Amino acid sequence: MVKIRLRRDGAKKAPYYTMVVADSRYPMDGRFIEKVGTYNPMTEPKQINLDADKIKEWIRKGAKPTDTAKALIAKAGIDLKEV
């Protein structure tokens, strides 16, 4: 199954996340299909940069966002109900 999930990047005690589309069998920080956004929790306010078109396209193709990814997508103002 294809999932939209967060991939941890950054240094120790300074996380930086990339939202990716990946096969659920791949490791969390392993191979991915496509990068669809970023999330930086260390800045104030927290930065969320997502590509709404790519996310909606992948959801139409059957990708399922994880709970955390779904929360960040909603926080960014992307409405998944219209997909």
PDB file of N, CA and C in Angstrom:
ATOM      1  N   MET A   1       0.834  -1.174   0.000  1.00  0.00           N
ATOM      2  CA  MET A   1       0.000   0.000   0.000  1.00  0.00           C
ATOM      3  C   MET A   1       0.884   1.245   0.000  1.00  0.00           C
ATOM      4  N   VAL A   2       0.466   2.249  -0.733  1.00  0.00           N
ATOM      5  CA  VAL A   2       1.203   3.503  -0.811  1.00  0.00           C
ATOM      6  C   VAL A   2       0.671   4.448   0.263  1.00  0.00           C
ATOM      7  N   LYS A   3       1.601   5.072   1.007  1.00  0.00           N
ATOM      8  CA  LYS A   3       1.228   5.982   2.093  1.00  0.00           C
ATOM      9  C   LYS A   3       1.887   7.332   1.912  1.00  0.00           C
ATOM     10  N   ILE A   4       1.218   8.356   2.427  1.00  0.00           N
ATOM     11  CA  ILE A   4       1.809   9.683   2.521  1.00  0.00           C
ATOM     12  C   ILE A   4       2.224   9.816   3.976  1.00  0.00           C
ATOM     13  N   ARG A   5       3.524   9.991   4.223  1.00  0.00           N
ATOM     14  CA  ARG A   5       4.027  10.004   5.587  1.00  0.00           C
ATOM     15  C   ARG A   5       5.207  10.947   5.733  1.00  0.00           C
ATOM     16  N   LEU A   6       5.636  11.149   6.979  1.00  0.00           N
ATOM     17  CA  LEU A   6       6.766  12.028   7.261  1.00  0.00           C
ATOM     18  C   LEU A   6       8.056  11.233   7.300  1.00  0.00           C
ATOM     19  N   ARG A   7       9.096  11.858   6.789  1.00  0.00           N
ATOM     20  CA  ARG A   7      10.433  11.281   6.819  1.00  0.00           C
ATOM     21  C   ARG A   7      11.313  12.238   7.599  1.00  0.00           C
ATOM     22  N   ARG A   8      11.992  11.749   8.633  1.00  0.00           N
ATOM     23  CA  ARG A   8      12.785  12.623   9.487  1.00  0.00           C
ATOM     24  C   ARG A   8      14.135  12.911   8.863  1.00  0.00           C
ATOM     25  N   ASP A   9      14.457  14.191   8.797  1.00  0.00           N
ATOM     26  CA  ASP A   9      15.764  14.659   8.355  1.00  0.00           C
ATOM     27  C   ASP A   9      16.294  15.571   9.459  1.00  0.00           C
ATOM     28  N   GLY A  10      17.423  16.178   9.236  1.00  0.00           N
ATOM     29  CA  GLY A  10      17.948  17.125  10.202  1.00  0.00           C
ATOM     30  C   GLY A  10      18.938  16.495  11.161  1.00  0.00           C
ATOM     31  N   ALA A  11      19.459  17.340  12.041  1.00  0.00           N
ATOM     32  CA  ALA A  11      20.488  16.919  12.981  1.00  0.00           C
ATOM     33  C   ALA A  11      19.881  16.426  14.292  1.00  0.00           C
ATOM     34  N   LYS A  12      20.745  15.935  15.158  1.00  0.00           N
ATOM     35  CA  LYS A  12      20.317  15.494  16.476  1.00  0.00           C
ATOM     36  C   LYS A  12      19.713  16.673  17.235  1.00  0.00           C
ATOM     37  N   LYS A  13      18.537  16.486  17.799  1.00  0.00           N
ATOM     38  CA  LYS A  13      17.785  17.493  18.548  1.00  0.00           C
ATOM     39  C   LYS A  13      17.360  18.685  17.692  1.00  0.00           C
ATOM     40  N   ALA A  14      17.429  18.550  16.380  1.00  0.00           N
ATOM     41  CA  ALA A  14      16.957  19.593  15.470  1.00  0.00           C
ATOM     42  C   ALA A  14      16.241  18.922  14.301  1.00  0.00           C
ATOM     43  N   PRO A  15      15.054  18.346  14.554  1.00  0.00           N
ATOM     44  CA  PRO A  15      14.374  17.601  13.485  1.00  0.00           C
ATOM     45  C   PRO A  15      13.820  18.504  12.389  1.00  0.00           C
ATOM     46  N   TYR A  16      13.774  17.952  11.214  1.00  0.00           N
ATOM     47  CA  TYR A  16      13.211  18.596  10.045  1.00  0.00           C
ATOM     48  C   TYR A  16      12.557  17.468   9.259  1.00  0.00           C
ATOM     49  N   TYR A  17      11.308  17.617   8.895  1.00  0.00           N
ATOM     50  CA  TYR A  17      10.584  16.514   8.273  1.00  0.00           C
ATOM     51  C   TYR A  17      10.253  16.810   6.819  1.00  0.00           C
ATOM     52  N   THR A  18      10.305  15.772   6.009  1.00  0.00           N
ATOM     53  CA  THR A  18       9.900  15.839   4.614  1.00  0.00           C
ATOM     54  C   THR A  18       8.687  14.942   4.458  1.00  0.00           C
ATOM     55  N   MET A  19       7.621  15.466   3.856  1.00  0.00           N
ATOM     56  CA  MET A  19       6.444  14.646   3.604  1.00  0.00           C
ATOM     57  C   MET A  19       6.654  13.951   2.263  1.00  0.00           C
ATOM     58  N   VAL A  20       6.583  12.626   2.286  1.00  0.00           N
ATOM     59  CA  VAL A  20       6.862  11.840   1.090  1.00  0.00           C
ATOM     60  C   VAL A  20       5.739  10.844   0.825  1.00  0.00           C
ATOM     61  N   VAL A  21       5.695  10.381  -0.407  1.00  0.00           N
ATOM     62  CA  VAL A  21       4.826   9.275  -0.795  1.00  0.00           C
ATOM     63  C   VAL A  21       5.738   8.062  -0.897  1.00  0.00           C
ATOM     64  N   ALA A  22       5.409   7.010  -0.128  1.00  0.00           N
ATOM     65  CA  ALA A  22       6.274   5.832  -0.085  1.00  0.00           C
ATOM     66  C   ALA A  22       5.448   4.570   0.060  1.00  0.00           C
ATOM     67  N   ASP A  23       5.999   3.471  -0.389  1.00  0.00           N
ATOM     68  CA  ASP A  23       5.396   2.170  -0.169  1.00  0.00           C
ATOM     69  C   ASP A  23       5.481   1.867   1.320  1.00  0.00           C
ATOM     70  N   SER A  24       4.448   1.310   1.901  1.00  0.00           N
ATOM     71  CA  SER A  24       4.417   1.065   3.342  1.00  0.00           C
ATOM     72  C   SER A  24       5.460   0.042   3.781  1.00  0.00           C
ATOM     73  N   ARG A  25       5.999  -0.739   2.856  1.00  0.00           N
ATOM     74  CA  ARG A  25       7.013  -1.738   3.203  1.00  0.00           C
ATOM     75  C   ARG A  25       8.401  -1.133   3.332  1.00  0.00           C
ATOM     76  N   TYR A  26       8.606   0.091   2.818  1.00  0.00           N
ATOM     77  CA  TYR A  26       9.913   0.736   2.903  1.00  0.00           C
ATOM     78  C   TYR A  26      10.148   1.248   4.320  1.00  0.00           C
ATOM     79  N   PRO A  27      11.405   1.325   4.777  1.00  0.00           N
ATOM     80  CA  PRO A  27      11.689   1.880   6.096  1.00  0.00           C
ATOM     81  C   PRO A  27      11.306   3.364   6.168  1.00  0.00           C
ATOM     82  N   MET A  28      11.099   3.859   7.407  1.00  0.00           N
ATOM     83  CA  MET A  28      10.647   5.237   7.604  1.00  0.00           C
ATOM     84  C   MET A  28      11.568   6.252   6.921  1.00  0.00           C
ATOM     85  N   ASP A  29      12.869   6.074   7.050  1.00  0.00           N
ATOM     86  CA  ASP A  29      13.816   7.014   6.447  1.00  0.00           C
ATOM     87  C   ASP A  29      14.443   6.456   5.177  1.00  0.00           C
ATOM     88  N   GLY A  30      13.803   5.464   4.587  1.00  0.00           N
ATOM     89  CA  GLY A  30      14.354   4.812   3.410  1.00  0.00           C
ATOM     90  C   GLY A  30      13.844   5.396   2.109  1.00  0.00           C
ATOM     91  N   ARG A  31      13.727   4.514   1.154  1.00  0.00           N
ATOM     92  CA  ARG A  31      13.339   4.873  -0.202  1.00  0.00           C
ATOM     93  C   ARG A  31      11.928   5.463  -0.233  1.00  0.00           C
ATOM     94  N   PHE A  32      11.697   6.392  -1.153  1.00  0.00           N
ATOM     95  CA  PHE A  32      10.371   6.966  -1.320  1.00  0.00           C
ATOM     96  C   PHE A  32      10.107   7.200  -2.795  1.00  0.00           C
ATOM     97  N   ILE A  33       8.833   7.427  -3.134  1.00  0.00           N
ATOM     98  CA  ILE A  33       8.435   7.601  -4.527  1.00  0.00           C
ATOM     99  C   ILE A  33       8.538   9.072  -4.946  1.00  0.00           C
ATOM    100  N   GLU A  34       7.966   9.966  -4.122  1.00  0.00           N
ATOM    101  CA  GLU A  34       7.963  11.382  -4.470  1.00  0.00           C
ATOM    102  C   GLU A  34       7.894  12.239  -3.213  1.00  0.00           C
ATOM    103  N   LYS A  35       8.563  13.384  -3.255  1.00  0.00           N
ATOM    104  CA  LYS A  35       8.523  14.354  -2.166  1.00  0.00           C
ATOM    105  C   LYS A  35       7.354  15.307  -2.431  1.00  0.00           C
ATOM    106  N   VAL A  36       6.492  15.511  -1.421  1.00  0.00           N
ATOM    107  CA  VAL A  36       5.319  16.369  -1.616  1.00  0.00           C
ATOM    108  C   VAL A  36       5.275  17.555  -0.660  1.00  0.00           C
ATOM    109  N   GLY A  37       6.260  17.710   0.227  1.00  0.00           N
ATOM    110  CA  GLY A  37       6.261  18.861   1.111  1.00  0.00           C
ATOM    111  C   GLY A  37       7.275  18.750   2.229  1.00  0.00           C
ATOM    112  N   THR A  38       7.317  19.810   3.070  1.00  0.00           N
ATOM    113  CA  THR A  38       8.231  19.843   4.201  1.00  0.00           C
ATOM    114  C   THR A  38       7.507  20.374   5.433  1.00  0.00           C
ATOM    115  N   TYR A  39       8.067  20.056   6.605  1.00  0.00           N
ATOM    116  CA  TYR A  39       7.537  20.531   7.881  1.00  0.00           C
ATOM    117  C   TYR A  39       8.712  20.790   8.802  1.00  0.00           C
ATOM    118  N   ASN A  40       8.817  22.024   9.309  1.00  0.00           N
ATOM    119  CA  ASN A  40       9.894  22.384  10.218  1.00  0.00           C
ATOM    120  C   ASN A  40       9.298  22.815  11.555  1.00  0.00           C
ATOM    121  N   PRO A  41       9.328  21.930  12.577  1.00  0.00           N
ATOM    122  CA  PRO A  41       8.743  22.273  13.871  1.00  0.00           C
ATOM    123  C   PRO A  41       9.641  23.153  14.741  1.00  0.00           C
ATOM    124  N   MET A  42      10.875  23.416  14.328  1.00  0.00           N
ATOM    125  CA  MET A  42      11.823  24.156  15.153  1.00  0.00           C
ATOM    126  C   MET A  42      11.704  25.674  15.014  1.00  0.00           C
ATOM    127  N   THR A  43      10.997  26.156  14.005  1.00  0.00           N
ATOM    128  CA  THR A  43      10.847  27.595  13.833  1.00  0.00           C
ATOM    129  C   THR A  43       9.598  28.070  14.567  1.00  0.00           C
ATOM    130  N   GLU A  44       9.500  29.359  14.783  1.00  0.00           N
ATOM    131  CA  GLU A  44       8.310  29.918  15.416  1.00  0.00           C
ATOM    132  C   GLU A  44       7.756  31.002  14.513  1.00  0.00           C
ATOM    133  N   PRO A  45       6.626  30.880  13.874  1.00  0.00           N
ATOM    134  CA  PRO A  45       5.715  29.739  13.916  1.00  0.00           C
ATOM    135  C   PRO A  45       6.240  28.560  13.089  1.00  0.00           C
ATOM    136  N   LYS A  46       5.705  27.391  13.336  1.00  0.00           N
ATOM    137  CA  LYS A  46       6.137  26.182  12.632  1.00  0.00           C
ATOM    138  C   LYS A  46       5.837  26.320  11.137  1.00  0.00           C
ATOM    139  N   GLN A  47       6.785  25.927  10.296  1.00  0.00           N
ATOM    140  CA  GLN A  47       6.629  26.064   8.847  1.00  0.00           C
ATOM    141  C   GLN A  47       6.111  24.765   8.245  1.00  0.00           C
ATOM    142  N   ILE A  48       5.017  24.889   7.484  1.00  0.00           N
ATOM    143  CA  ILE A  48       4.459  23.757   6.753  1.00  0.00           C
ATOM    144  C   ILE A  48       4.365  24.175   5.289  1.00  0.00           C
ATOM    145  N   ASN A  49       5.132  23.519   4.433  1.00  0.00           N
ATOM    146  CA  ASN A  49       5.114  23.795   2.991  1.00  0.00           C
ATOM    147  C   ASN A  49       4.716  22.520   2.270  1.00  0.00           C
ATOM    148  N   LEU A  50       3.491  22.494   1.728  1.00  0.00           N
ATOM    149  CA  LEU A  50       3.004  21.296   1.048  1.00  0.00           C
ATOM    150  C   LEU A  50       2.539  21.646  -0.357  1.00  0.00           C
ATOM    151  N   ASP A  51       2.687  20.696  -1.270  1.00  0.00           N
ATOM    152  CA  ASP A  51       2.191  20.838  -2.637  1.00  0.00           C
ATOM    153  C   ASP A  51       0.811  20.186  -2.703  1.00  0.00           C
ATOM    154  N   ALA A  52      -0.226  21.016  -2.628  1.00  0.00           N
ATOM    155  CA  ALA A  52      -1.607  20.521  -2.560  1.00  0.00           C
ATOM    156  C   ALA A  52      -1.977  19.694  -3.791  1.00  0.00           C
ATOM    157  N   ASP A  53      -1.537  20.114  -4.968  1.00  0.00           N
ATOM    158  CA  ASP A  53      -1.881  19.390  -6.192  1.00  0.00           C
ATOM    159  C   ASP A  53      -1.321  17.972  -6.186  1.00  0.00           C
ATOM    160  N   LYS A  54      -0.051  17.833  -5.772  1.00  0.00           N
ATOM    161  CA  LYS A  54       0.562  16.500  -5.730  1.00  0.00           C
ATOM    162  C   LYS A  54      -0.122  15.615  -4.691  1.00  0.00           C
ATOM    163  N   ILE A  55      -0.449  16.180  -3.528  1.00  0.00           N
ATOM    164  CA  ILE A  55      -1.100  15.402  -2.474  1.00  0.00           C
ATOM    165  C   ILE A  55      -2.462  14.916  -2.944  1.00  0.00           C
ATOM    166  N   LYS A  56      -3.256  15.792  -3.536  1.00  0.00           N
ATOM    167  CA  LYS A  56      -4.579  15.404  -4.024  1.00  0.00           C
ATOM    168  C   LYS A  56      -4.476  14.358  -5.131  1.00  0.00           C
ATOM    169  N   GLU A  57      -3.481  14.508  -6.006  1.00  0.00           N
ATOM    170  CA  GLU A  57      -3.281  13.536  -7.084  1.00  0.00           C
ATOM    171  C   GLU A  57      -2.973  12.147  -6.525  1.00  0.00           C
ATOM    172  N   TRP A  58      -2.092  12.078  -5.509  1.00  0.00           N
ATOM    173  CA  TRP A  58      -1.738  10.788  -4.927  1.00  0.00           C
ATOM    174  C   TRP A  58      -2.911  10.170  -4.180  1.00  0.00           C
ATOM    175  N   ILE A  59      -3.724  10.990  -3.528  1.00  0.00           N
ATOM    176  CA  ILE A  59      -4.897  10.456  -2.825  1.00  0.00           C
ATOM    177  C   ILE A  59      -5.903   9.906  -3.825  1.00  0.00           C
ATOM    178  N   ARG A  60      -6.052  10.581  -4.963  1.00  0.00           N
ATOM    179  CA  ARG A  60      -6.924  10.051  -6.030  1.00  0.00           C
ATOM    180  C   ARG A  60      -6.424   8.705  -6.535  1.00  0.00           C
ATOM    181  N   LYS A  61      -5.107   8.528  -6.547  1.00  0.00           N
ATOM    182  CA  LYS A  61      -4.513   7.266  -7.002  1.00  0.00           C
ATOM    183  C   LYS A  61      -4.607   6.165  -5.951  1.00  0.00           C
ATOM    184  N   GLY A  62      -5.022   6.523  -4.719  1.00  0.00           N
ATOM    185  CA  GLY A  62      -5.209   5.503  -3.694  1.00  0.00           C
ATOM    186  C   GLY A  62      -4.256   5.568  -2.522  1.00  0.00           C
ATOM    187  N   ALA A  63      -3.388   6.573  -2.452  1.00  0.00           N
ATOM    188  CA  ALA A  63      -2.470   6.694  -1.317  1.00  0.00           C
ATOM    189  C   ALA A  63      -3.235   7.104  -0.066  1.00  0.00           C
ATOM    190  N   LYS A  64      -2.853   6.553   1.071  1.00  0.00           N
ATOM    191  CA  LYS A  64      -3.497   6.854   2.345  1.00  0.00           C
ATOM    192  C   LYS A  64      -2.524   7.645   3.218  1.00  0.00           C
ATOM    193  N   PRO A  65      -2.920   8.830   3.698  1.00  0.00           N
ATOM    194  CA  PRO A  65      -2.038   9.575   4.609  1.00  0.00           C
ATOM    195  C   PRO A  65      -2.065   8.973   6.008  1.00  0.00           C
ATOM    196  N   THR A  66      -0.930   9.015   6.694  1.00  0.00           N
ATOM    197  CA  THR A  66      -0.885   8.583   8.089  1.00  0.00           C
ATOM    198  C   THR A  66      -1.619   9.626   8.932  1.00  0.00           C
ATOM    199  N   ASP A  67      -1.858   9.312  10.198  1.00  0.00           N
ATOM    200  CA  ASP A  67      -2.587  10.238  11.071  1.00  0.00           C
ATOM    201  C   ASP A  67      -1.864  11.575  11.202  1.00  0.00           C
ATOM    202  N   THR A  68      -0.551  11.538  11.381  1.00  0.00           N
ATOM    203  CA  THR A  68       0.229  12.762  11.518  1.00  0.00           C
ATOM    204  C   THR A  68       0.224  13.553  10.221  1.00  0.00           C
ATOM    205  N   ALA A  69       0.387  12.878   9.091  1.00  0.00           N
ATOM    206  CA  ALA A  69       0.363  13.557   7.802  1.00  0.00           C
ATOM    207  C   ALA A  69      -1.000  14.177   7.551  1.00  0.00           C
ATOM    208  N   LYS A  70      -2.060  13.468   7.911  1.00  0.00           N
ATOM    209  CA  LYS A  70      -3.418  13.981   7.733  1.00  0.00           C
ATOM    210  C   LYS A  70      -3.632  15.252   8.560  1.00  0.00           C
ATOM    211  N   ALA A  71      -3.106  15.271   9.786  1.00  0.00           N
ATOM    212  CA  ALA A  71      -3.234  16.442  10.657  1.00  0.00           C
ATOM    213  C   ALA A  71      -2.482  17.637  10.080  1.00  0.00           C
ATOM    214  N   LEU A  72      -1.286  17.410   9.544  1.00  0.00           N
ATOM    215  CA  LEU A  72      -0.514  18.504   8.952  1.00  0.00           C
ATOM    216  C   LEU A  72      -1.164  19.018   7.672  1.00  0.00           C
ATOM    217  N   ILE A  73      -1.744  18.116   6.887  1.00  0.00           N
ATOM    218  CA  ILE A  73      -2.439  18.522   5.665  1.00  0.00           C
ATOM    219  C   ILE A  73      -3.632  19.402   6.027  1.00  0.00           C
ATOM    220  N   ALA A  74      -4.375  19.023   7.064  1.00  0.00           N
ATOM    221  CA  ALA A  74      -5.516  19.833   7.504  1.00  0.00           C
ATOM    222  C   ALA A  74      -5.053  21.176   8.048  1.00  0.00           C
ATOM    223  N   LYS A  75      -3.939  21.189   8.785  1.00  0.00           N
ATOM    224  CA  LYS A  75      -3.405  22.428   9.349  1.00  0.00           C
ATOM    225  C   LYS A  75      -2.940  23.383   8.247  1.00  0.00           C
ATOM    226  N   ALA A  76      -2.489  22.822   7.123  1.00  0.00           N
ATOM    227  CA  ALA A  76      -2.050  23.639   5.993  1.00  0.00           C
ATOM    228  C   ALA A  76      -3.233  24.172   5.189  1.00  0.00           C
ATOM    229  N   GLY A  77      -4.447  23.712   5.515  1.00  0.00           N
ATOM    230  CA  GLY A  77      -5.641  24.227   4.839  1.00  0.00           C
ATOM    231  C   GLY A  77      -6.014  23.492   3.578  1.00  0.00           C
ATOM    232  N   ILE A  78      -5.531  22.281   3.397  1.00  0.00           N
ATOM    233  CA  ILE A  78      -5.860  21.490   2.209  1.00  0.00           C
ATOM    234  C   ILE A  78      -7.058  20.621   2.543  1.00  0.00           C
ATOM    235  N   ASP A  79      -8.131  20.769   1.778  1.00  0.00           N
ATOM    236  CA  ASP A  79      -9.360  20.023   2.031  1.00  0.00           C
ATOM    237  C   ASP A  79      -9.344  18.715   1.250  1.00  0.00           C
ATOM    238  N   LEU A  80      -9.283  17.585   1.963  1.00  0.00           N
ATOM    239  CA  LEU A  80      -9.222  16.275   1.328  1.00  0.00           C
ATOM    240  C   LEU A  80     -10.617  15.729   1.005  1.00  0.00           C
ATOM    241  N   LYS A  81     -11.661  16.365   1.505  1.00  0.00           N
ATOM    242  CA  LYS A  81     -13.015  15.869   1.267  1.00  0.00           C
ATOM    243  C   LYS A  81     -13.456  16.102  -0.171  1.00  0.00           C
ATOM    244  N   GLU A  82     -12.837  17.067  -0.840  1.00  0.00           N
ATOM    245  CA  GLU A  82     -13.237  17.336  -2.226  1.00  0.00           C
ATOM    246  C   GLU A  82     -12.559  16.415  -3.226  1.00  0.00           C
ATOM    247  N   VAL A  83     -11.635  15.578  -2.751  1.00  0.00           N
ATOM    248  CA  VAL A  83     -10.907  14.647  -3.644  1.00  0.00           C
ATOM    249  C   VAL A  83     -11.775  13.463  -3.958  1.00  0.00           C
TER     250      VAL A  83
END
